[in-house]
């Protein structure tokens, strides 16, 4: 069995030494996390500010988007600790409590983003395929806020064990913060990790694909029971589908595939060290892709919301006009 930071212990056998060459983490993770922090923090803050200061009432989709941006913002705030950790060669000086908090925030953001994106997709599906259904019109923003509250509770319950399993330990004479679990708890983590992948990723991903397959069928038809679909709504729904599926494909799919493979391989006794190292490197190398959703989510927001894309342009235009008037001495 493989410890997250380089040593190997096969379940049911004495500990063995298997030193990993993980210099790639020091070269890859700090720059990527720094870019995610530099882009994700202001982008998500802008999304939250624009939604909260919008003169129009929040739609159900906007409520889900607001909570999605909040989850991304909380995760971005934890990145400075990880940047320092990996820049120092995987050395964690911040203690066990912050180790648990950082790992919890990562997985809470990951699975919260998945559920909020699924809700946005389902809302888009209802708006296009069932616009007149009474169960679609009832509830409004209040129902959306209740759904968001349920999602936060579900994500907390799902990811709380990650904070329990996460711990600090000593590897190569330095303190490390285990991502999944210490080597001694790997057998206990395996069923939880598999269940988290199924419940927190596969089921929402299947629901999202079902929504967009049905939505694609509807958009390919010129008319339906409710009459022709407006071209603007068709284009907006198509953009949403492409961007959301791309976000899942880039951020979530590689991470969960490599994580599942890593969990399975490290639980098999007698696996050679080079094989274990390869699976561990593949899993750890996809962490930046999972982190990238904190940047892709606000891009999704601006890409699919025309009125919010126009607001920064309008603000810049007003500032430019004001500067020009001041330059001409017009008050």
C-alpha atoms as a PDB file:
ATOM      1  CA  UNK A   1       0.000   0.000   0.000  1.00  0.00           C
ATOM      2  CA  UNK A   2       1.236   3.465  -0.896  1.00  0.00           C
ATOM      3  CA  UNK A   3       1.464   6.404   1.451  1.00  0.00           C
ATOM      4  CA  UNK A   4       0.459   9.670  -0.209  1.00  0.00           C
ATOM      5  CA  UNK A   5       3.933  11.092   0.164  1.00  0.00           C
ATOM      6  CA  UNK A   6       6.185   8.327  -0.993  1.00  0.00           C
ATOM      7  CA  UNK A   7       6.479   5.274   1.239  1.00  0.00           C
ATOM      8  CA  UNK A   8       4.902   1.917   0.548  1.00  0.00           C
ATOM      9  CA  UNK A   9       3.271  -0.528   2.899  1.00  0.00           C
ATOM     10  CA  UNK A  10       1.485  -3.604   1.512  1.00  0.00           C
ATOM     11  CA  UNK A  11      -1.594  -4.488   3.502  1.00  0.00           C
ATOM     12  CA  UNK A  12      -1.000  -7.527   5.672  1.00  0.00           C
ATOM     13  CA  UNK A  13       2.785  -7.417   5.309  1.00  0.00           C
ATOM     14  CA  UNK A  14       5.645  -5.612   7.025  1.00  0.00           C
ATOM     15  CA  UNK A  15       6.380  -2.055   5.867  1.00  0.00           C
ATOM     16  CA  UNK A  16       8.663  -1.732   2.871  1.00  0.00           C
ATOM     17  CA  UNK A  17      10.585   1.242   1.585  1.00  0.00           C
ATOM     18  CA  UNK A  18       9.714   2.662  -1.803  1.00  0.00           C
ATOM     19  CA  UNK A  19      11.047   6.153  -2.268  1.00  0.00           C
ATOM     20  CA  UNK A  20       9.172   8.052  -4.943  1.00  0.00           C
ATOM     21  CA  UNK A  21      10.717  10.612  -7.237  1.00  0.00           C
ATOM     22  CA  UNK A  22       8.110  13.319  -6.766  1.00  0.00           C
ATOM     23  CA  UNK A  23      10.036  16.397  -7.778  1.00  0.00           C
ATOM     24  CA  UNK A  24       7.323  17.051 -10.343  1.00  0.00           C
ATOM     25  CA  UNK A  25       5.016  18.160  -7.514  1.00  0.00           C
ATOM     26  CA  UNK A  26       7.397  20.959  -6.603  1.00  0.00           C
ATOM     27  CA  UNK A  27       7.688  21.991 -10.252  1.00  0.00           C
ATOM     28  CA  UNK A  28       4.017  21.589 -11.208  1.00  0.00           C
ATOM     29  CA  UNK A  29       1.750  22.313  -8.268  1.00  0.00           C
ATOM     30  CA  UNK A  30       2.981  25.696  -6.938  1.00  0.00           C
ATOM     31  CA  UNK A  31       2.834  27.458 -10.349  1.00  0.00           C
ATOM     32  CA  UNK A  32      -0.551  25.965 -11.201  1.00  0.00           C
ATOM     33  CA  UNK A  33      -2.054  26.708  -7.789  1.00  0.00           C
ATOM     34  CA  UNK A  34      -0.635  30.237  -7.998  1.00  0.00           C
ATOM     35  CA  UNK A  35      -2.364  30.802 -11.346  1.00  0.00           C
ATOM     36  CA  UNK A  36      -5.618  29.362  -9.999  1.00  0.00           C
ATOM     37  CA  UNK A  37      -5.363  31.674  -6.983  1.00  0.00           C
ATOM     38  CA  UNK A  38      -4.490  34.749  -9.067  1.00  0.00           C
ATOM     39  CA  UNK A  39      -7.365  34.152 -11.493  1.00  0.00           C
ATOM     40  CA  UNK A  40      -9.954  32.368  -9.366  1.00  0.00           C
ATOM     41  CA  UNK A  41     -10.002  34.749  -6.407  1.00  0.00           C
ATOM     42  CA  UNK A  42     -10.854  37.968  -8.318  1.00  0.00           C
ATOM     43  CA  UNK A  43     -13.079  36.232 -10.885  1.00  0.00           C
ATOM     44  CA  UNK A  44     -15.280  34.554  -8.291  1.00  0.00           C
ATOM     45  CA  UNK A  45     -15.336  37.706  -6.161  1.00  0.00           C
ATOM     46  CA  UNK A  46     -16.551  39.632  -9.234  1.00  0.00           C
ATOM     47  CA  UNK A  47     -19.264  37.049  -9.914  1.00  0.00           C
ATOM     48  CA  UNK A  48     -20.512  37.296  -6.329  1.00  0.00           C
ATOM     49  CA  UNK A  49     -20.385  41.107  -6.411  1.00  0.00           C
ATOM     50  CA  UNK A  50     -22.238  41.339  -9.724  1.00  0.00           C
ATOM     51  CA  UNK A  51     -24.952  38.927  -8.663  1.00  0.00           C
ATOM     52  CA  UNK A  52     -25.431  40.590  -5.273  1.00  0.00           C
ATOM     53  CA  UNK A  53     -25.540  44.110  -6.742  1.00  0.00           C
ATOM     54  CA  UNK A  54     -27.686  43.266  -9.750  1.00  0.00           C
ATOM     55  CA  UNK A  55     -30.775  45.449  -9.961  1.00  0.00           C
ATOM     56  CA  UNK A  56     -32.789  42.492 -11.195  1.00  0.00           C
ATOM     57  CA  UNK A  57     -34.080  39.812  -8.853  1.00  0.00           C
ATOM     58  CA  UNK A  58     -31.937  36.706  -8.817  1.00  0.00           C
ATOM     59  CA  UNK A  59     -33.209  33.876 -10.963  1.00  0.00           C
ATOM     60  CA  UNK A  60     -32.974  30.277  -9.841  1.00  0.00           C
ATOM     61  CA  UNK A  61     -29.947  29.766 -12.073  1.00  0.00           C
ATOM     62  CA  UNK A  62     -28.317  32.867 -10.574  1.00  0.00           C
ATOM     63  CA  UNK A  63     -28.870  31.484  -7.059  1.00  0.00           C
ATOM     64  CA  UNK A  64     -27.043  28.280  -8.001  1.00  0.00           C
ATOM     65  CA  UNK A  65     -24.290  30.308  -9.696  1.00  0.00           C
ATOM     66  CA  UNK A  66     -23.858  32.476  -6.597  1.00  0.00           C
ATOM     67  CA  UNK A  67     -23.363  29.427  -4.385  1.00  0.00           C
ATOM     68  CA  UNK A  68     -20.996  27.901  -6.932  1.00  0.00           C
ATOM     69  CA  UNK A  69     -18.852  31.053  -6.868  1.00  0.00           C
ATOM     70  CA  UNK A  70     -18.892  31.061  -3.058  1.00  0.00           C
ATOM     71  CA  UNK A  71     -17.589  27.470  -2.971  1.00  0.00           C
ATOM     72  CA  UNK A  72     -14.822  28.381  -5.429  1.00  0.00           C
ATOM     73  CA  UNK A  73     -13.901  31.486  -3.440  1.00  0.00           C
ATOM     74  CA  UNK A  74     -13.551  29.516  -0.193  1.00  0.00           C
ATOM     75  CA  UNK A  75     -11.276  27.014  -1.913  1.00  0.00           C
ATOM     76  CA  UNK A  76      -9.129  29.749  -3.473  1.00  0.00           C
ATOM     77  CA  UNK A  77      -8.539  31.179  -0.002  1.00  0.00           C
ATOM     78  CA  UNK A  78      -6.919  27.877   1.063  1.00  0.00           C
ATOM     79  CA  UNK A  79      -4.450  27.760  -1.830  1.00  0.00           C
ATOM     80  CA  UNK A  80      -1.660  29.889  -0.274  1.00  0.00           C
ATOM     81  CA  UNK A  81      -1.016  27.139   2.281  1.00  0.00           C
ATOM     82  CA  UNK A  82      -0.736  24.489  -0.442  1.00  0.00           C
ATOM     83  CA  UNK A  83       1.496  26.711  -2.569  1.00  0.00           C
ATOM     84  CA  UNK A  84       3.889  27.145   0.352  1.00  0.00           C
ATOM     85  CA  UNK A  85       3.716  23.436   1.187  1.00  0.00           C
ATOM     86  CA  UNK A  86       4.706  22.183  -2.263  1.00  0.00           C
ATOM     87  CA  UNK A  87       7.201  24.995  -2.897  1.00  0.00           C
ATOM     88  CA  UNK A  88       9.031  23.795   0.224  1.00  0.00           C
ATOM     89  CA  UNK A  89       9.267  20.258  -1.135  1.00  0.00           C
ATOM     90  CA  UNK A  90       6.072  18.852   0.403  1.00  0.00           C
ATOM     91  CA  UNK A  91       6.764  20.176   3.885  1.00  0.00           C
ATOM     92  CA  UNK A  92       3.710  21.077   6.004  1.00  0.00           C
ATOM     93  CA  UNK A  93       4.477  23.376   8.968  1.00  0.00           C
ATOM     94  CA  UNK A  94       0.910  24.531   9.683  1.00  0.00           C
ATOM     95  CA  UNK A  95      -0.307  21.760  11.980  1.00  0.00           C
ATOM     96  CA  UNK A  96      -2.943  19.024  11.802  1.00  0.00           C
ATOM     97  CA  UNK A  97      -6.018  21.266  12.053  1.00  0.00           C
ATOM     98  CA  UNK A  98      -5.164  23.345   8.985  1.00  0.00           C
ATOM     99  CA  UNK A  99      -4.178  20.157   7.143  1.00  0.00           C
ATOM    100  CA  UNK A 100      -7.653  18.748   7.725  1.00  0.00           C
ATOM    101  CA  UNK A 101      -9.284  22.065   6.788  1.00  0.00           C
ATOM    102  CA  UNK A 102      -7.386  22.395   3.503  1.00  0.00           C
ATOM    103  CA  UNK A 103      -8.187  18.832   2.439  1.00  0.00           C
ATOM    104  CA  UNK A 104     -11.836  19.272   3.408  1.00  0.00           C
ATOM    105  CA  UNK A 105     -12.129  22.538   1.449  1.00  0.00           C
ATOM    106  CA  UNK A 106     -10.682  20.894  -1.656  1.00  0.00           C
ATOM    107  CA  UNK A 107     -13.181  18.026  -1.689  1.00  0.00           C
ATOM    108  CA  UNK A 108     -16.104  20.202  -0.548  1.00  0.00           C
ATOM    109  CA  UNK A 109     -15.400  22.585  -3.432  1.00  0.00           C
ATOM    110  CA  UNK A 110     -14.981  19.695  -5.857  1.00  0.00           C
ATOM    111  CA  UNK A 111     -18.241  17.939  -5.036  1.00  0.00           C
ATOM    112  CA  UNK A 112     -20.134  21.159  -4.323  1.00  0.00           C
ATOM    113  CA  UNK A 113     -19.180  22.444  -7.775  1.00  0.00           C
ATOM    114  CA  UNK A 114     -20.359  19.200  -9.337  1.00  0.00           C
ATOM    115  CA  UNK A 115     -23.770  19.433  -7.645  1.00  0.00           C
ATOM    116  CA  UNK A 116     -24.275  23.140  -8.340  1.00  0.00           C
ATOM    117  CA  UNK A 117     -23.339  22.666 -12.005  1.00  0.00           C
ATOM    118  CA  UNK A 118     -25.788  19.763 -12.147  1.00  0.00           C
ATOM    119  CA  UNK A 119     -28.524  21.996 -10.696  1.00  0.00           C
ATOM    120  CA  UNK A 120     -27.749  24.731 -13.248  1.00  0.00           C
ATOM    121  CA  UNK A 121     -27.948  22.152 -16.025  1.00  0.00           C
ATOM    122  CA  UNK A 122     -31.221  20.733 -14.722  1.00  0.00           C
ATOM    123  CA  UNK A 123     -32.672  24.228 -14.482  1.00  0.00           C
ATOM    124  CA  UNK A 124     -31.665  24.901 -18.087  1.00  0.00           C
ATOM    125  CA  UNK A 125     -33.251  21.583 -19.113  1.00  0.00           C
ATOM    126  CA  UNK A 126     -36.530  22.494 -17.400  1.00  0.00           C
ATOM    127  CA  UNK A 127     -36.562  25.961 -18.943  1.00  0.00           C
ATOM    128  CA  UNK A 128     -36.196  24.599 -22.479  1.00  0.00           C
ATOM    129  CA  UNK A 129     -37.971  21.249 -22.373  1.00  0.00           C
ATOM    130  CA  UNK A 130     -40.711  21.928 -19.809  1.00  0.00           C
ATOM    131  CA  UNK A 131     -41.210  25.727 -19.678  1.00  0.00           C
ATOM    132  CA  UNK A 132     -44.940  25.539 -18.914  1.00  0.00           C
ATOM    133  CA  UNK A 133     -44.903  22.692 -16.429  1.00  0.00           C
ATOM    134  CA  UNK A 134     -46.507  23.798 -13.121  1.00  0.00           C
ATOM    135  CA  UNK A 135     -43.857  21.998 -11.054  1.00  0.00           C
ATOM    136  CA  UNK A 136     -41.236  24.050 -12.907  1.00  0.00           C
ATOM    137  CA  UNK A 137     -42.920  27.404 -12.252  1.00  0.00           C
ATOM    138  CA  UNK A 138     -43.653  26.834  -8.566  1.00  0.00           C
ATOM    139  CA  UNK A 139     -41.107  27.639  -5.883  1.00  0.00           C
ATOM    140  CA  UNK A 140     -38.902  30.163  -7.645  1.00  0.00           C
ATOM    141  CA  UNK A 141     -35.899  31.558  -5.816  1.00  0.00           C
ATOM    142  CA  UNK A 142     -37.044  30.240  -2.452  1.00  0.00           C
ATOM    143  CA  UNK A 143     -36.953  26.675  -3.762  1.00  0.00           C
ATOM    144  CA  UNK A 144     -33.510  27.308  -5.260  1.00  0.00           C
ATOM    145  CA  UNK A 145     -32.174  28.561  -1.917  1.00  0.00           C
ATOM    146  CA  UNK A 146     -33.610  25.490  -0.180  1.00  0.00           C
ATOM    147  CA  UNK A 147     -31.910  23.258  -2.741  1.00  0.00           C
ATOM    148  CA  UNK A 148     -28.611  25.095  -2.181  1.00  0.00           C
ATOM    149  CA  UNK A 149     -28.943  24.648   1.570  1.00  0.00           C
ATOM    150  CA  UNK A 150     -29.554  20.936   1.069  1.00  0.00           C
ATOM    151  CA  UNK A 151     -26.501  20.731  -1.206  1.00  0.00           C
ATOM    152  CA  UNK A 152     -24.245  22.395   1.379  1.00  0.00           C
ATOM    153  CA  UNK A 153     -25.483  19.965   4.039  1.00  0.00           C
ATOM    154  CA  UNK A 154     -25.022  16.971   1.732  1.00  0.00           C
ATOM    155  CA  UNK A 155     -21.536  18.055   0.679  1.00  0.00           C
ATOM    156  CA  UNK A 156     -20.507  18.630   4.289  1.00  0.00           C
ATOM    157  CA  UNK A 157     -21.749  15.160   5.234  1.00  0.00           C
ATOM    158  CA  UNK A 158     -20.034  13.570   2.219  1.00  0.00           C
ATOM    159  CA  UNK A 159     -16.699  15.301   2.713  1.00  0.00           C
ATOM    160  CA  UNK A 160     -16.464  15.417   6.501  1.00  0.00           C
ATOM    161  CA  UNK A 161     -14.692  12.021   6.564  1.00  0.00           C
ATOM    162  CA  UNK A 162     -11.930  13.550   4.412  1.00  0.00           C
ATOM    163  CA  UNK A 163     -11.133  15.845   7.338  1.00  0.00           C
ATOM    164  CA  UNK A 164     -11.123  12.833   9.645  1.00  0.00           C
ATOM    165  CA  UNK A 165      -8.839  10.754   7.431  1.00  0.00           C
ATOM    166  CA  UNK A 166      -6.512  13.651   6.552  1.00  0.00           C
ATOM    167  CA  UNK A 167      -3.608  13.907   8.992  1.00  0.00           C
ATOM    168  CA  UNK A 168      -0.028  14.979   9.302  1.00  0.00           C
ATOM    169  CA  UNK A 169       2.854  12.525   9.498  1.00  0.00           C
ATOM    170  CA  UNK A 170       6.613  12.241   9.205  1.00  0.00           C
ATOM    171  CA  UNK A 171       8.141  11.270   5.854  1.00  0.00           C
ATOM    172  CA  UNK A 172      11.834  11.651   5.021  1.00  0.00           C
ATOM    173  CA  UNK A 173      12.430  13.575   8.252  1.00  0.00           C
ATOM    174  CA  UNK A 174       9.817  16.223   7.454  1.00  0.00           C
ATOM    175  CA  UNK A 175       6.165  16.807   8.342  1.00  0.00           C
ATOM    176  CA  UNK A 176       3.710  16.106   5.536  1.00  0.00           C
ATOM    177  CA  UNK A 177      -0.055  16.569   5.150  1.00  0.00           C
ATOM    178  CA  UNK A 178      -1.591  13.394   3.734  1.00  0.00           C
ATOM    179  CA  UNK A 179      -4.120  14.011   0.996  1.00  0.00           C
ATOM    180  CA  UNK A 180      -6.183  10.825   1.282  1.00  0.00           C
ATOM    181  CA  UNK A 181      -5.158   9.101   4.500  1.00  0.00           C
ATOM    182  CA  UNK A 182      -2.089   7.938   6.403  1.00  0.00           C
ATOM    183  CA  UNK A 183      -0.803   4.527   5.263  1.00  0.00           C
ATOM    184  CA  UNK A 184      -2.216   2.806   8.354  1.00  0.00           C
ATOM    185  CA  UNK A 185      -5.778   3.904   7.456  1.00  0.00           C
ATOM    186  CA  UNK A 186      -5.718   3.050   3.751  1.00  0.00           C
ATOM    187  CA  UNK A 187      -7.879  -0.076   4.162  1.00  0.00           C
ATOM    188  CA  UNK A 188     -10.542   2.000   5.880  1.00  0.00           C
ATOM    189  CA  UNK A 189     -10.322   4.825   3.343  1.00  0.00           C
ATOM    190  CA  UNK A 190     -10.777   2.593   0.274  1.00  0.00           C
ATOM    191  CA  UNK A 191     -14.557   1.940   0.604  1.00  0.00           C
ATOM    192  CA  UNK A 192     -15.194   5.558   1.551  1.00  0.00           C
ATOM    193  CA  UNK A 193     -13.148   6.854  -1.390  1.00  0.00           C
ATOM    194  CA  UNK A 194     -14.993   4.597  -3.824  1.00  0.00           C
ATOM    195  CA  UNK A 195     -18.388   5.580  -2.409  1.00  0.00           C
ATOM    196  CA  UNK A 196     -17.479   9.276  -2.654  1.00  0.00           C
ATOM    197  CA  UNK A 197     -16.587   8.853  -6.320  1.00  0.00           C
ATOM    198  CA  UNK A 198     -19.864   7.084  -7.102  1.00  0.00           C
ATOM    199  CA  UNK A 199     -22.170   9.353  -5.095  1.00  0.00           C
ATOM    200  CA  UNK A 200     -20.276  12.608  -5.507  1.00  0.00           C
ATOM    201  CA  UNK A 201     -19.287  12.294  -9.168  1.00  0.00           C
ATOM    202  CA  UNK A 202     -20.731   9.414 -11.200  1.00  0.00           C
ATOM    203  CA  UNK A 203     -24.388   9.907 -10.237  1.00  0.00           C
ATOM    204  CA  UNK A 204     -24.422  13.704 -10.791  1.00  0.00           C
ATOM    205  CA  UNK A 205     -22.443  13.274 -14.016  1.00  0.00           C
ATOM    206  CA  UNK A 206     -24.973  10.710 -15.278  1.00  0.00           C
ATOM    207  CA  UNK A 207     -27.843  13.073 -14.402  1.00  0.00           C
ATOM    208  CA  UNK A 208     -26.112  15.955 -16.173  1.00  0.00           C
ATOM    209  CA  UNK A 209     -25.506  13.915 -19.317  1.00  0.00           C
ATOM    210  CA  UNK A 210     -29.139  12.775 -19.328  1.00  0.00           C
ATOM    211  CA  UNK A 211     -30.306  16.406 -19.108  1.00  0.00           C
ATOM    212  CA  UNK A 212     -28.089  17.546 -21.953  1.00  0.00           C
ATOM    213  CA  UNK A 213     -28.916  14.584 -24.186  1.00  0.00           C
ATOM    214  CA  UNK A 214     -32.598  15.397 -23.815  1.00  0.00           C
ATOM    215  CA  UNK A 215     -31.855  19.102 -24.259  1.00  0.00           C
ATOM    216  CA  UNK A 216     -29.863  18.430 -27.424  1.00  0.00           C
ATOM    217  CA  UNK A 217     -32.782  16.486 -28.884  1.00  0.00           C
ATOM    218  CA  UNK A 218     -35.101  19.397 -28.189  1.00  0.00           C
ATOM    219  CA  UNK A 219     -32.743  22.012 -29.612  1.00  0.00           C
ATOM    220  CA  UNK A 220     -32.315  20.019 -32.811  1.00  0.00           C
ATOM    221  CA  UNK A 221     -36.056  20.332 -33.467  1.00  0.00           C
ATOM    222  CA  UNK A 222     -37.382  23.600 -34.831  1.00  0.00           C
ATOM    223  CA  UNK A 223     -40.592  23.353 -32.886  1.00  0.00           C
ATOM    224  CA  UNK A 224     -42.250  21.276 -30.232  1.00  0.00           C
ATOM    225  CA  UNK A 225     -45.397  21.109 -28.113  1.00  0.00           C
ATOM    226  CA  UNK A 226     -44.803  24.659 -26.829  1.00  0.00           C
ATOM    227  CA  UNK A 227     -44.033  26.173 -30.254  1.00  0.00           C
ATOM    228  CA  UNK A 228     -40.707  27.241 -31.778  1.00  0.00           C
ATOM    229  CA  UNK A 229     -37.790  27.801 -29.458  1.00  0.00           C
ATOM    230  CA  UNK A 230     -36.346  31.327 -29.676  1.00  0.00           C
ATOM    231  CA  UNK A 231     -32.940  31.432 -31.331  1.00  0.00           C
ATOM    232  CA  UNK A 232     -31.387  33.362 -28.454  1.00  0.00           C
ATOM    233  CA  UNK A 233     -32.511  30.769 -25.922  1.00  0.00           C
ATOM    234  CA  UNK A 234     -31.285  27.996 -28.198  1.00  0.00           C
ATOM    235  CA  UNK A 235     -27.858  29.590 -28.487  1.00  0.00           C
ATOM    236  CA  UNK A 236     -27.633  30.244 -24.754  1.00  0.00           C
ATOM    237  CA  UNK A 237     -28.615  26.690 -23.890  1.00  0.00           C
ATOM    238  CA  UNK A 238     -26.149  25.308 -26.425  1.00  0.00           C
ATOM    239  CA  UNK A 239     -23.314  27.412 -24.987  1.00  0.00           C
ATOM    240  CA  UNK A 240     -24.204  26.279 -21.489  1.00  0.00           C
ATOM    241  CA  UNK A 241     -24.170  22.630 -22.534  1.00  0.00           C
ATOM    242  CA  UNK A 242     -20.801  22.860 -24.268  1.00  0.00           C
ATOM    243  CA  UNK A 243     -19.081  24.741 -21.443  1.00  0.00           C
ATOM    244  CA  UNK A 244     -20.467  22.595 -18.617  1.00  0.00           C
ATOM    245  CA  UNK A 245     -19.584  19.326 -20.340  1.00  0.00           C
ATOM    246  CA  UNK A 246     -16.121  20.737 -21.088  1.00  0.00           C
ATOM    247  CA  UNK A 247     -15.707  21.701 -17.414  1.00  0.00           C
ATOM    248  CA  UNK A 248     -16.587  18.175 -16.346  1.00  0.00           C
ATOM    249  CA  UNK A 249     -14.308  16.631 -18.967  1.00  0.00           C
ATOM    250  CA  UNK A 250     -11.326  18.831 -18.095  1.00  0.00           C
ATOM    251  CA  UNK A 251     -11.624  19.248 -14.342  1.00  0.00           C
ATOM    252  CA  UNK A 252     -13.503  16.317 -12.883  1.00  0.00           C
ATOM    253  CA  UNK A 253     -13.179  13.273 -15.142  1.00  0.00           C
ATOM    254  CA  UNK A 254      -9.349  12.855 -15.211  1.00  0.00           C
ATOM    255  CA  UNK A 255      -9.095  13.399 -11.466  1.00  0.00           C
ATOM    256  CA  UNK A 256     -11.715  10.818 -10.552  1.00  0.00           C
ATOM    257  CA  UNK A 257     -10.427   8.242 -13.034  1.00  0.00           C
ATOM    258  CA  UNK A 258      -6.842   8.447 -11.760  1.00  0.00           C
ATOM    259  CA  UNK A 259      -7.918   8.659  -8.124  1.00  0.00           C
ATOM    260  CA  UNK A 260     -10.064   5.536  -8.434  1.00  0.00           C
ATOM    261  CA  UNK A 261      -7.259   3.656 -10.177  1.00  0.00           C
ATOM    262  CA  UNK A 262      -4.778   4.772  -7.519  1.00  0.00           C
ATOM    263  CA  UNK A 263      -7.054   3.654  -4.669  1.00  0.00           C
ATOM    264  CA  UNK A 264      -7.567   0.263  -6.307  1.00  0.00           C
ATOM    265  CA  UNK A 265      -3.907  -0.387  -7.104  1.00  0.00           C
ATOM    266  CA  UNK A 266      -2.495   0.664  -3.756  1.00  0.00           C
ATOM    267  CA  UNK A 267      -4.784  -1.798  -1.968  1.00  0.00           C
ATOM    268  CA  UNK A 268      -3.423  -4.798  -3.904  1.00  0.00           C
ATOM    269  CA  UNK A 269      -0.563  -6.620  -2.126  1.00  0.00           C
ATOM    270  CA  UNK A 270       2.662  -7.214  -4.006  1.00  0.00           C
ATOM    271  CA  UNK A 271       2.354  -4.488  -6.639  1.00  0.00           C
ATOM    272  CA  UNK A 272       5.872  -3.432  -7.792  1.00  0.00           C
ATOM    273  CA  UNK A 273       7.101  -0.026  -6.711  1.00  0.00           C
ATOM    274  CA  UNK A 274       7.401   1.384 -10.269  1.00  0.00           C
ATOM    275  CA  UNK A 275       3.742   0.539 -10.922  1.00  0.00           C
ATOM    276  CA  UNK A 276       2.650   2.108  -7.651  1.00  0.00           C
ATOM    277  CA  UNK A 277       4.722   5.179  -8.383  1.00  0.00           C
ATOM    278  CA  UNK A 278       3.196   5.544 -11.854  1.00  0.00           C
ATOM    279  CA  UNK A 279      -0.379   5.407 -10.556  1.00  0.00           C
ATOM    280  CA  UNK A 280       0.452   7.793  -7.706  1.00  0.00           C
ATOM    281  CA  UNK A 281       2.053  10.264 -10.124  1.00  0.00           C
ATOM    282  CA  UNK A 282      -0.943  10.091 -12.468  1.00  0.00           C
ATOM    283  CA  UNK A 283      -3.344  10.806  -9.618  1.00  0.00           C
ATOM    284  CA  UNK A 284      -1.300  13.647  -8.155  1.00  0.00           C
ATOM    285  CA  UNK A 285      -0.721  15.093 -11.617  1.00  0.00           C
ATOM    286  CA  UNK A 286      -4.471  15.525 -12.164  1.00  0.00           C
ATOM    287  CA  UNK A 287      -5.014  17.566  -8.991  1.00  0.00           C
ATOM    288  CA  UNK A 288      -4.374  20.834 -10.900  1.00  0.00           C
ATOM    289  CA  UNK A 289      -7.140  19.884 -13.341  1.00  0.00           C
ATOM    290  CA  UNK A 290      -9.555  19.502 -10.443  1.00  0.00           C
ATOM    291  CA  UNK A 291      -8.423  22.838  -9.019  1.00  0.00           C
ATOM    292  CA  UNK A 292      -8.936  24.521 -12.383  1.00  0.00           C
ATOM    293  CA  UNK A 293     -12.708  24.346 -11.960  1.00  0.00           C
ATOM    294  CA  UNK A 294     -12.389  27.365  -9.645  1.00  0.00           C
ATOM    295  CA  UNK A 295     -11.374  29.364 -12.725  1.00  0.00           C
ATOM    296  CA  UNK A 296     -13.596  27.608 -15.269  1.00  0.00           C
ATOM    297  CA  UNK A 297     -16.763  28.192 -13.240  1.00  0.00           C
ATOM    298  CA  UNK A 298     -16.675  32.031 -13.376  1.00  0.00           C
ATOM    299  CA  UNK A 299     -15.698  31.835 -17.052  1.00  0.00           C
ATOM    300  CA  UNK A 300     -18.804  29.671 -17.518  1.00  0.00           C
ATOM    301  CA  UNK A 301     -20.843  32.398 -15.827  1.00  0.00           C
ATOM    302  CA  UNK A 302     -19.570  35.219 -18.043  1.00  0.00           C
ATOM    303  CA  UNK A 303     -19.670  33.083 -21.181  1.00  0.00           C
ATOM    304  CA  UNK A 304     -23.337  32.187 -20.793  1.00  0.00           C
ATOM    305  CA  UNK A 305     -24.780  35.360 -19.206  1.00  0.00           C
ATOM    306  CA  UNK A 306     -24.927  38.092 -21.833  1.00  0.00           C
ATOM    307  CA  UNK A 307     -26.272  40.802 -19.516  1.00  0.00           C
ATOM    308  CA  UNK A 308     -23.366  40.328 -17.092  1.00  0.00           C
ATOM    309  CA  UNK A 309     -20.830  40.297 -19.924  1.00  0.00           C
ATOM    310  CA  UNK A 310     -22.154  43.703 -20.916  1.00  0.00           C
ATOM    311  CA  UNK A 311     -22.012  45.254 -17.434  1.00  0.00           C
ATOM    312  CA  UNK A 312     -18.181  45.535 -17.212  1.00  0.00           C
ATOM    313  CA  UNK A 313     -18.158  46.948 -20.743  1.00  0.00           C
ATOM    314  CA  UNK A 314     -20.795  49.513 -19.792  1.00  0.00           C
ATOM    315  CA  UNK A 315     -18.807  50.494 -16.694  1.00  0.00           C
ATOM    316  CA  UNK A 316     -15.607  50.919 -18.698  1.00  0.00           C
ATOM    317  CA  UNK A 317     -17.479  52.968 -21.289  1.00  0.00           C
ATOM    318  CA  UNK A 318     -18.860  55.286 -18.577  1.00  0.00           C
ATOM    319  CA  UNK A 319     -15.405  55.733 -17.053  1.00  0.00           C
ATOM    320  CA  UNK A 320     -13.895  56.462 -20.452  1.00  0.00           C
ATOM    321  CA  UNK A 321     -16.590  59.054 -21.203  1.00  0.00           C
ATOM    322  CA  UNK A 322     -16.051  60.672 -17.810  1.00  0.00           C
ATOM    323  CA  UNK A 323     -12.273  60.881 -18.349  1.00  0.00           C
ATOM    324  CA  UNK A 324     -12.768  62.377 -21.814  1.00  0.00           C
ATOM    325  CA  UNK A 325     -15.167  64.987 -20.450  1.00  0.00           C
ATOM    326  CA  UNK A 326     -12.716  65.883 -17.671  1.00  0.00           C
ATOM    327  CA  UNK A 327      -9.882  66.120 -20.200  1.00  0.00           C
ATOM    328  CA  UNK A 328     -11.898  68.644 -22.233  1.00  0.00           C
ATOM    329  CA  UNK A 329     -12.728  70.576 -19.080  1.00  0.00           C
ATOM    330  CA  UNK A 330     -16.418  69.692 -19.262  1.00  0.00           C
ATOM    331  CA  UNK A 331     -18.073  69.332 -15.858  1.00  0.00           C
END
